[in-house]
Amino acid sequence: MTQTAADRFPTRHLPGVTVRELPAPPRSPWRVIGPGVVAAGVGLASGEFVLFPYIASQVGLVFLWAAAVGIITQYFLNMEIERYTLATGETALTGFSRFWRHWGLVFAIMVYFANLWPGWSTSSATMVTYLFGGDATWIAVGMLLVIGAVLTLAPVVYTALERVEFVKVALVVIFIVVAIAFAISASAWSDLPDTVTSPAFPTELGFALMLSALVFAGAGGGQNLCQSNWIRDKRYGMGAYVPRLVSPVTGEEEAAPGGGGYVFEPTEENLGRWRRWWKLANQEQLATFVLISFVTIVLMSLLAYSTVYGVPGLENGVSFLEVEGEKLKELVGGWFGTLFWVIGALSLFAASMGIVDYTSRLAADVLKTSYLRHVSESKLYFGLVWGLVAIGCGILIAGFDQPLPLLVISACVGGLMMFFYSILLLVLNRKVLPSQIRPRAYRVAALVWSVALFGVFSALTVWQQGDKLLDWLR
């Protein structure tokens, strides 16, 4: 008996898939632009504004090679996540759950642990206080409430998020152009080749800090997994058959599919469409996520190197941005330091919105797929968004500083998550998908590299941070 494409999908825990034709890709590549911009926009946070610029302020530009390594690794990881969704309309978490029902829940819980502390909202609020004064706690609470309202009142959630991240990226690009003209010194440009000719691993700043910068450049943690959800809502490939998340208040919910995902038979016509889809998806990621993330890290590091390199007593945190802003006022003018804080506050706010979205989106998808199939995913998303907002507001109003356990958990969980789902992606895409669209040898090698990189990072982080967590518990 001939095996069909649908026969390869495990059905013990989830319904089988339906065979349908692969939708034709758009003629214009501009129609697929969006998910990579969202990924870059959400990822433009601590790494680009604090972590790499802080490293540049301490040791120069010799560690920028790590940004290239981290972003390229995540490019291959993102594309394997997109491969499964393009081919099936299911998210990668749903694919994992076909092997074991609770894989999706495990990852959703890990994402919540990593994002429980509302750090980006707090950082954005702190930068607002540099501009206007006020209480950062209550500003952050207000920001969380605005985020909750935007994400649950927008008729189509992805469309609203995409527009916010497009505006954010545009503002950051404008700021960088102004910085090139007025603030980045000639000596910084002349020292830039050092990252290639004299690369270093400056362990004096702490091994955990260096490795965190290496593996979380661009995105990291659970954000990469949400590429599935974002490209599906953008109507990539077989995702066109799956309903999008809409507001339960202002949106019009689409009819949900009756069973699992979809799959296409590898006919000549479908494979031709697949090759076009795959080319467009790769081009979109390279031109948006990879390019935006790397250029931003490099230029923000050059800016920090031009202004605060060698300044003693700098902290790896949002207070670093206050010092850098004051220095920019001295070197360029008050207007430029103010512009730096405005862009930073808006950027971190948009990152916070993206984090609330992908945390809630991943959990809603898991609950809908594996446990609550008869409940609207949009309503689950609504509840999860406001639950996360409520937790964040509660933590802030209670007056907690960033508690050590949450920071240690966030650092450890992010790497562990990526280690595990790199392995699962390798198995999923090689075992379930038709042979004609499985990853080629060099992409398999990239996934093996990802497993090794994040495995080593996880082990070293747990080893280094474990003593600090035990001391706190005592």
Protein backbone atom coordinates (compact mmCIF):
# COMPACT_ATOMS: atom_id res chain seq x y z
CA MET A 1 0.00 0.00 0.00
CA THR A 2 1.42 3.41 -0.99
CA GLN A 3 2.15 5.78 1.88
CA THR A 4 0.73 9.30 1.52
CA ALA A 5 2.24 12.49 2.94
CA ALA A 6 -0.40 12.47 5.71
CA ASP A 7 0.54 8.95 6.87
CA ARG A 8 3.87 10.12 8.30
CA PHE A 9 2.26 12.30 10.99
CA PRO A 10 1.94 10.75 14.47
CA THR A 11 -1.74 10.75 15.50
CA ARG A 12 -1.62 9.21 18.96
CA HIS A 13 -1.94 12.55 20.76
CA LEU A 14 -3.41 14.86 18.09
CA PRO A 15 -5.79 14.50 15.12
CA GLY A 16 -4.34 13.57 11.76
CA VAL A 17 -3.63 16.10 9.03
CA THR A 18 -5.70 16.86 5.94
CA VAL A 19 -4.21 16.73 2.45
CA ARG A 20 -4.72 19.99 0.53
CA GLU A 21 -2.97 21.89 -2.24
CA LEU A 22 -0.16 24.23 -1.24
CA PRO A 23 -1.43 27.79 -1.85
CA ALA A 24 0.38 29.72 -4.55
CA PRO A 25 3.00 32.16 -3.24
CA PRO A 26 2.60 35.89 -3.91
CA ARG A 27 4.22 37.30 -7.03
CA SER A 28 5.82 40.18 -5.15
CA PRO A 29 8.34 39.49 -2.35
CA TRP A 30 7.07 42.59 -0.56
CA ARG A 31 3.88 40.69 0.31
CA VAL A 32 5.77 38.38 2.69
CA ILE A 33 7.71 41.08 4.53
CA GLY A 34 6.67 41.20 8.18
CA PRO A 35 7.54 38.22 10.41
CA GLY A 36 11.28 38.93 10.25
CA VAL A 37 10.68 42.60 11.05
CA VAL A 38 8.51 41.58 14.02
CA ALA A 39 11.22 39.17 15.20
CA ALA A 40 13.90 41.84 14.88
CA GLY A 41 11.68 44.47 16.50
CA VAL A 42 10.84 42.31 19.50
CA GLY A 43 14.47 41.25 19.77
CA LEU A 44 15.80 44.83 19.65
CA ALA A 45 15.97 45.15 23.41
CA SER A 46 18.65 44.35 25.96
CA GLY A 47 21.19 42.87 23.54
CA GLU A 48 21.16 45.80 21.13
CA PHE A 49 20.61 48.66 23.60
CA VAL A 50 22.43 47.42 26.70
CA LEU A 51 24.41 44.19 26.50
CA PHE A 52 26.62 44.59 23.41
CA PRO A 53 27.04 48.38 23.89
CA TYR A 54 28.02 47.70 27.52
CA ILE A 55 30.61 45.16 26.40
CA ALA A 56 31.93 47.67 23.84
CA SER A 57 32.23 50.29 26.59
CA GLN A 58 34.35 47.92 28.67
CA VAL A 59 36.59 46.05 26.22
CA GLY A 60 36.08 47.71 22.84
CA LEU A 61 34.74 46.14 19.66
CA VAL A 62 36.61 42.81 19.78
CA PHE A 63 33.50 40.79 20.76
CA LEU A 64 31.18 41.84 17.95
CA TRP A 65 32.00 38.59 16.14
CA ALA A 66 29.72 36.90 18.70
CA ALA A 67 26.74 38.87 17.38
CA ALA A 68 27.32 37.45 13.90
CA VAL A 69 27.64 33.90 15.22
CA GLY A 70 24.51 34.18 17.39
CA ILE A 71 22.34 35.78 14.70
CA ILE A 72 23.38 33.35 11.95
CA THR A 73 22.68 30.42 14.27
CA GLN A 74 19.23 31.82 14.99
CA TYR A 75 18.61 32.36 11.28
CA PHE A 76 18.96 28.64 10.62
CA LEU A 77 16.90 27.85 13.71
CA ASN A 78 14.12 30.22 12.64
CA MET A 79 14.03 28.75 9.14
CA GLU A 80 13.59 25.19 10.44
CA ILE A 81 10.73 26.45 12.62
CA GLU A 82 9.24 28.13 9.55
CA ARG A 83 9.80 25.03 7.40
CA TYR A 84 7.39 22.94 9.48
CA THR A 85 4.68 25.62 9.54
CA LEU A 86 5.02 26.41 5.84
CA ALA A 87 4.51 22.72 5.08
CA THR A 88 1.71 21.95 7.56
CA GLY A 89 0.02 25.09 8.90
CA GLU A 90 0.83 23.78 12.39
CA THR A 91 3.19 25.51 14.79
CA ALA A 92 6.44 23.85 15.77
CA LEU A 93 5.02 23.33 19.28
CA THR A 94 2.11 21.39 17.79
CA GLY A 95 4.61 19.29 15.86
CA PHE A 96 6.53 18.54 19.04
CA SER A 97 3.27 17.59 20.76
CA ARG A 98 2.69 14.92 18.13
CA PHE A 99 5.60 13.02 19.66
CA TRP A 100 4.57 13.64 23.28
CA ARG A 101 1.37 15.45 24.17
CA HIS A 102 2.92 17.67 26.85
CA TRP A 103 5.96 19.01 24.96
CA GLY A 104 4.07 22.19 24.10
CA LEU A 105 3.03 22.73 27.70
CA VAL A 106 6.62 22.25 28.89
CA PHE A 107 7.86 24.98 26.55
CA ALA A 108 4.94 27.31 27.37
CA ILE A 109 5.73 27.03 31.09
CA MET A 110 9.43 27.66 30.42
CA VAL A 111 8.58 30.79 28.42
CA TYR A 112 6.42 32.07 31.30
CA PHE A 113 9.24 31.52 33.78
CA ALA A 114 11.67 33.36 31.52
CA ASN A 115 9.32 36.35 31.02
CA LEU A 116 7.56 36.57 34.38
CA TRP A 117 9.44 39.68 35.47
CA PRO A 118 8.23 42.71 33.40
CA GLY A 119 11.79 43.85 32.77
CA TRP A 120 11.36 45.61 29.43
CA SER A 121 8.39 47.67 30.66
CA THR A 122 10.38 48.66 33.73
CA SER A 123 13.40 49.59 31.62
CA SER A 124 11.25 51.63 29.23
CA ALA A 125 9.57 53.39 32.16
CA THR A 126 12.95 54.17 33.70
CA MET A 127 14.05 55.86 30.46
CA VAL A 128 10.85 57.89 30.50
CA THR A 129 11.85 59.20 33.93
CA TYR A 130 15.14 60.44 32.42
CA LEU A 131 12.99 62.56 30.10
CA PHE A 132 10.10 63.72 32.27
CA GLY A 133 10.70 62.49 35.81
CA GLY A 134 7.99 60.58 37.64
CA ASP A 135 7.71 57.19 39.31
CA ALA A 136 9.05 54.39 37.10
CA THR A 137 6.86 51.80 38.84
CA TRP A 138 3.56 53.47 38.03
CA ILE A 139 4.70 54.38 34.52
CA ALA A 140 5.54 50.70 33.95
CA VAL A 141 2.11 49.66 35.29
CA GLY A 142 0.47 52.08 32.85
CA MET A 143 2.54 50.67 30.00
CA LEU A 144 1.46 47.12 30.81
CA LEU A 145 -2.19 48.17 30.80
CA VAL A 146 -1.76 49.87 27.41
CA ILE A 147 -0.07 46.73 26.04
CA GLY A 148 -2.95 44.57 27.27
CA ALA A 149 -5.50 46.90 25.67
CA VAL A 150 -3.71 47.06 22.29
CA LEU A 151 -3.20 43.30 22.04
CA THR A 152 -6.78 42.42 22.92
CA LEU A 153 -8.67 45.20 21.12
CA ALA A 154 -6.90 45.04 17.74
CA PRO A 155 -9.20 43.26 15.24
CA VAL A 156 -6.27 41.11 14.03
CA VAL A 157 -3.55 40.85 16.68
CA TYR A 158 -0.64 40.10 14.35
CA THR A 159 -1.45 43.10 12.14
CA ALA A 160 -1.34 45.46 15.13
CA LEU A 161 1.92 43.97 16.39
CA GLU A 162 3.49 44.15 12.93
CA ARG A 163 2.62 47.84 12.61
CA VAL A 164 4.08 48.65 16.03
CA GLU A 165 7.33 46.81 15.26
CA PHE A 166 7.60 48.41 11.80
CA VAL A 167 7.36 51.86 13.42
CA LYS A 168 9.90 50.86 16.07
CA VAL A 169 12.43 49.58 13.54
CA ALA A 170 11.95 52.69 11.40
CA LEU A 171 12.61 54.95 14.39
CA VAL A 172 15.73 52.99 15.36
CA VAL A 173 17.03 53.20 11.78
CA ILE A 174 16.43 56.98 11.71
CA PHE A 175 18.29 57.34 15.01
CA ILE A 176 21.20 55.28 13.72
CA VAL A 177 21.46 57.45 10.59
CA VAL A 178 21.59 60.56 12.79
CA ALA A 179 24.16 58.87 15.07
CA ILE A 180 26.40 58.07 12.10
CA ALA A 181 26.31 61.72 11.08
CA PHE A 182 26.83 63.30 14.49
CA ALA A 183 28.05 60.91 17.17
CA ILE A 184 30.09 57.92 16.00
CA SER A 185 33.73 58.94 16.00
CA ALA A 186 36.30 58.32 13.28
CA SER A 187 38.40 56.32 15.74
CA ALA A 188 35.45 53.97 16.35
CA TRP A 189 35.16 53.29 12.61
CA SER A 190 38.92 52.69 12.34
CA ASP A 191 38.81 50.23 15.27
CA LEU A 192 35.83 48.28 13.87
CA PRO A 193 38.01 45.81 11.88
CA ASP A 194 39.45 44.62 15.22
CA THR A 195 36.39 42.43 15.66
CA VAL A 196 37.65 40.42 12.64
CA THR A 197 41.42 40.81 12.87
CA SER A 198 41.71 40.61 16.68
CA PRO A 199 38.63 38.76 17.99
CA ALA A 200 38.56 38.11 21.70
CA PHE A 201 36.54 36.39 24.39
CA PRO A 202 36.87 38.88 27.28
CA THR A 203 36.35 36.59 30.28
CA GLU A 204 37.14 39.44 32.68
CA LEU A 205 33.52 40.51 32.30
CA GLY A 206 32.26 37.09 33.34
CA PHE A 207 31.82 33.99 31.25
CA ALA A 208 28.03 33.94 31.69
CA LEU A 209 27.74 37.52 30.38
CA MET A 210 29.81 36.76 27.30
CA LEU A 211 27.96 33.59 26.45
CA SER A 212 24.58 35.28 27.04
CA ALA A 213 25.53 37.90 24.46
CA LEU A 214 26.61 35.19 22.03
CA VAL A 215 23.45 33.13 22.11
CA PHE A 216 20.80 35.82 22.66
CA ALA A 217 21.88 38.24 19.94
CA GLY A 218 18.78 38.99 17.87
CA ALA A 219 16.11 37.01 19.68
CA GLY A 220 16.56 33.89 21.81
CA GLY A 221 14.50 31.73 24.13
CA GLY A 222 10.85 31.30 23.29
CA GLN A 223 10.75 34.15 20.78
CA ASN A 224 12.20 32.00 18.00
CA LEU A 225 9.39 29.46 18.43
CA CYS A 226 6.82 32.17 17.74
CA GLN A 227 8.06 32.45 14.15
CA SER A 228 5.56 29.64 13.51
CA ASN A 229 2.65 31.69 14.83
CA TRP A 230 3.68 34.92 13.13
CA ILE A 231 4.20 33.44 9.65
CA ARG A 232 0.93 31.54 9.97
CA ASP A 233 -0.96 34.75 10.70
CA LYS A 234 0.88 36.30 7.72
CA ARG A 235 -0.62 33.51 5.59
CA TYR A 236 2.61 31.78 4.64
CA GLY A 237 2.16 28.45 2.85
CA MET A 238 -0.28 26.03 4.46
CA GLY A 239 -0.82 28.59 7.22
CA ALA A 240 -3.36 30.23 4.89
CA TYR A 241 -5.86 27.53 5.90
CA VAL A 242 -5.59 28.26 9.66
CA PRO A 243 -7.65 30.99 11.43
CA ARG A 244 -5.78 34.02 12.71
CA LEU A 245 -5.91 35.36 16.26
CA VAL A 246 -8.50 38.13 16.48
CA SER A 247 -9.83 40.27 19.30
CA PRO A 248 -12.78 38.68 21.11
CA VAL A 249 -14.15 42.23 21.43
CA THR A 250 -13.59 43.90 18.04
CA GLY A 251 -12.57 41.04 15.72
CA GLU A 252 -14.59 38.62 13.64
CA GLU A 253 -13.50 35.09 14.46
CA GLU A 254 -12.93 32.72 11.55
CA ALA A 255 -14.14 29.14 11.54
CA ALA A 256 -11.57 26.79 13.07
CA PRO A 257 -10.40 23.72 11.15
CA GLY A 258 -12.13 20.48 12.05
CA GLY A 259 -9.03 18.43 12.77
CA GLY A 260 -5.28 18.87 12.85
CA GLY A 261 -3.06 20.64 10.37
CA TYR A 262 -2.61 20.22 6.65
CA VAL A 263 -0.08 18.69 4.31
CA PHE A 264 0.40 18.72 0.56
CA GLU A 265 1.30 15.80 -1.66
CA PRO A 266 4.74 16.31 -3.27
CA THR A 267 3.46 16.72 -6.82
CA GLU A 268 5.44 18.68 -9.39
CA GLU A 269 3.12 21.68 -9.07
CA ASN A 270 3.19 21.70 -5.26
CA LEU A 271 6.97 21.30 -5.12
CA GLY A 272 7.35 24.20 -7.54
CA ARG A 273 5.23 26.34 -5.25
CA TRP A 274 7.18 25.07 -2.25
CA ARG A 275 10.52 26.13 -3.74
CA ARG A 276 9.14 29.63 -4.34
CA TRP A 277 7.72 29.86 -0.82
CA TRP A 278 10.97 28.60 0.70
CA LYS A 279 13.03 31.09 -1.29
CA LEU A 280 10.77 34.00 -0.27
CA ALA A 281 10.81 32.97 3.41
CA ASN A 282 14.62 32.75 3.46
CA GLN A 283 15.00 36.09 1.71
CA GLU A 284 12.59 37.73 4.15
CA GLN A 285 14.52 36.46 7.20
CA LEU A 286 17.90 37.48 5.77
CA ALA A 287 16.76 40.94 4.66
CA THR A 288 14.92 41.75 7.89
CA PHE A 289 15.78 39.72 11.00
CA VAL A 290 19.45 39.07 10.20
CA LEU A 291 20.29 42.42 8.64
CA ILE A 292 18.37 44.62 11.10
CA SER A 293 19.63 42.76 14.17
CA PHE A 294 23.29 42.72 13.14
CA VAL A 295 23.47 46.30 11.86
CA THR A 296 21.75 47.58 15.00
CA ILE A 297 24.10 45.73 17.34
CA VAL A 298 27.18 46.94 15.47
CA LEU A 299 26.13 50.58 15.23
CA MET A 300 24.81 50.84 18.80
CA SER A 301 28.09 49.31 19.97
CA LEU A 302 30.02 51.85 17.90
CA LEU A 303 27.98 54.62 19.52
CA ALA A 304 28.74 53.35 23.01
CA TYR A 305 32.42 52.92 22.13
CA SER A 306 32.54 56.51 20.83
CA THR A 307 30.99 57.97 23.97
CA VAL A 308 31.55 55.92 27.13
CA TYR A 309 34.49 53.62 26.39
CA GLY A 310 36.75 53.63 29.42
CA VAL A 311 34.29 55.41 31.72
CA PRO A 312 34.68 53.69 35.12
CA GLY A 313 31.81 52.27 37.17
CA LEU A 314 29.35 51.56 34.36
CA GLU A 315 26.65 49.01 35.16
CA ASN A 316 25.22 46.34 32.87
CA GLY A 317 21.65 47.59 33.08
CA VAL A 318 19.31 50.41 32.15
CA SER A 319 21.40 52.86 34.23
CA PHE A 320 24.08 52.38 31.59
CA LEU A 321 21.73 54.10 29.13
CA GLU A 322 21.39 57.09 31.46
CA VAL A 323 25.16 57.58 31.51
CA GLU A 324 25.37 57.17 27.75
CA GLY A 325 22.58 59.69 27.21
CA GLU A 326 24.27 62.29 29.40
CA LYS A 327 27.53 61.75 27.55
CA LEU A 328 25.76 62.21 24.20
CA LYS A 329 24.37 65.52 25.48
CA GLU A 330 27.91 66.67 26.26
CA LEU A 331 29.46 65.53 22.99
CA VAL A 332 26.72 66.30 20.47
CA GLY A 333 24.07 68.41 22.18
CA GLY A 334 21.14 68.14 24.55
CA TRP A 335 18.78 67.29 21.70
CA PHE A 336 20.69 64.14 20.79
CA GLY A 337 20.81 62.72 24.31
CA THR A 338 17.08 63.35 24.59
CA LEU A 339 16.48 61.66 21.22
CA PHE A 340 18.51 58.65 22.42
CA TRP A 341 16.28 58.24 25.48
CA VAL A 342 13.08 58.73 23.48
CA ILE A 343 14.07 56.04 20.96
CA GLY A 344 15.23 53.75 23.76
CA ALA A 345 11.98 54.13 25.71
CA LEU A 346 9.83 53.49 22.63
CA SER A 347 12.00 50.57 21.57
CA LEU A 348 11.85 48.82 24.93
CA PHE A 349 8.09 49.44 25.13
CA ALA A 350 7.59 47.80 21.73
CA ALA A 351 9.80 44.91 22.82
CA SER A 352 7.65 44.49 25.91
CA MET A 353 4.52 44.34 23.76
CA GLY A 354 6.11 41.66 21.61
CA ILE A 355 7.14 39.64 24.66
CA VAL A 356 3.63 39.71 26.12
CA ASP A 357 2.28 38.71 22.70
CA TYR A 358 4.54 35.74 22.04
CA THR A 359 4.36 34.46 25.61
CA SER A 360 0.55 34.48 25.52
CA ARG A 361 0.35 33.36 21.87
CA LEU A 362 2.49 30.27 22.45
CA ALA A 363 0.49 29.28 25.53
CA ALA A 364 -2.88 29.83 23.82
CA ASP A 365 -1.80 27.68 20.88
CA VAL A 366 -0.70 24.86 23.20
CA LEU A 367 -3.88 24.94 25.29
CA LYS A 368 -6.11 25.05 22.22
CA THR A 369 -4.29 22.28 20.39
CA SER A 370 -3.69 19.74 23.13
CA TYR A 371 -6.15 20.38 25.97
CA LEU A 372 -9.05 22.74 25.20
CA ARG A 373 -9.93 22.04 21.57
CA HIS A 374 -13.49 23.37 21.87
CA VAL A 375 -12.46 26.72 23.38
CA SER A 376 -11.74 29.74 21.17
CA GLU A 377 -7.99 30.37 20.86
CA SER A 378 -8.66 34.12 20.71
CA LYS A 379 -10.43 33.98 24.09
CA LEU A 380 -7.61 31.91 25.57
CA TYR A 381 -5.14 34.49 24.26
CA PHE A 382 -7.22 37.32 25.74
CA GLY A 383 -7.16 35.69 29.19
CA LEU A 384 -3.45 34.89 29.05
CA VAL A 385 -2.48 38.42 28.00
CA TRP A 386 -4.38 39.97 30.88
CA GLY A 387 -3.12 37.31 33.27
CA LEU A 388 0.48 38.17 32.38
CA VAL A 389 -0.29 41.90 32.64
CA ALA A 390 -1.88 41.36 36.06
CA ILE A 391 1.11 39.37 37.32
CA GLY A 392 3.49 42.06 36.09
CA CYS A 393 1.46 44.84 37.69
CA GLY A 394 1.27 42.87 40.94
CA ILE A 395 5.05 42.39 41.05
CA LEU A 396 5.64 46.09 40.41
CA ILE A 397 3.02 47.40 42.86
CA ALA A 398 4.31 45.04 45.57
CA GLY A 399 7.60 46.87 45.29
CA PHE A 400 9.82 43.94 44.38
CA ASP A 401 13.17 44.73 42.85
CA GLN A 402 14.33 42.34 40.18
CA PRO A 403 14.53 39.20 42.32
CA LEU A 404 17.63 37.06 41.87
CA PRO A 405 15.73 33.78 41.40
CA LEU A 406 13.76 35.19 38.43
CA LEU A 407 16.91 36.51 36.79
CA VAL A 408 18.76 33.21 37.28
CA ILE A 409 15.75 31.24 36.02
CA SER A 410 15.45 33.50 32.97
CA ALA A 411 19.13 33.05 32.09
CA CYS A 412 19.06 29.28 32.53
CA VAL A 413 15.65 28.59 31.01
CA GLY A 414 16.32 30.47 27.77
CA GLY A 415 19.36 28.36 26.91
CA LEU A 416 17.77 25.08 28.02
CA MET A 417 14.70 25.80 25.91
CA MET A 418 16.76 26.39 22.78
CA PHE A 419 18.84 23.29 23.42
CA PHE A 420 15.75 21.09 23.64
CA TYR A 421 13.83 22.52 20.70
CA SER A 422 16.90 22.41 18.46
CA ILE A 423 16.94 18.64 19.00
CA LEU A 424 13.18 18.33 18.48
CA LEU A 425 13.28 20.37 15.26
CA LEU A 426 15.99 18.11 13.91
CA VAL A 427 13.86 15.04 14.58
CA LEU A 428 10.55 16.62 13.49
CA ASN A 429 11.60 17.95 10.11
CA ARG A 430 13.59 14.85 9.16
CA LYS A 431 11.03 12.30 10.32
CA VAL A 432 7.62 13.80 9.54
CA LEU A 433 7.97 15.95 6.42
CA PRO A 434 8.10 14.46 2.91
CA SER A 435 11.65 13.67 1.78
CA GLN A 436 11.53 16.32 -0.98
CA ILE A 437 11.23 19.20 1.51
CA ARG A 438 13.37 18.00 4.40
CA PRO A 439 16.41 20.05 5.47
CA ARG A 440 19.58 19.55 3.45
CA ALA A 441 22.86 18.40 4.97
CA TYR A 442 24.23 21.88 5.71
CA ARG A 443 21.02 22.87 7.50
CA VAL A 444 21.15 19.66 9.53
CA ALA A 445 24.73 20.60 10.45
CA ALA A 446 23.51 24.05 11.53
CA LEU A 447 20.94 22.44 13.83
CA VAL A 448 23.59 20.13 15.29
CA TRP A 449 25.73 23.23 15.93
CA SER A 450 22.73 24.88 17.61
CA VAL A 451 22.28 21.85 19.87
CA ALA A 452 25.95 21.96 20.87
CA LEU A 453 26.04 25.73 21.37
CA PHE A 454 22.93 25.98 23.51
CA GLY A 455 23.75 22.76 25.35
CA VAL A 456 27.12 24.10 26.43
CA PHE A 457 25.58 27.50 27.29
CA SER A 458 22.90 25.88 29.43
CA ALA A 459 25.31 23.65 31.31
CA LEU A 460 27.76 26.47 32.02
CA THR A 461 25.04 28.91 33.07
CA VAL A 462 23.45 26.42 35.46
CA TRP A 463 26.89 25.58 36.86
CA GLN A 464 27.91 29.24 37.32
CA GLN A 465 24.58 30.59 38.55
CA GLY A 466 23.61 27.64 40.75
CA ASP A 467 25.76 28.78 43.67
CA LYS A 468 24.21 32.26 43.60
CA LEU A 469 20.70 30.81 43.67
CA LEU A 470 21.60 28.49 46.58
CA ASP A 471 23.11 31.42 48.51
CA TRP A 472 19.89 33.41 48.01
CA LEU A 473 17.76 30.48 49.20
CA ARG A 474 19.87 30.21 52.34
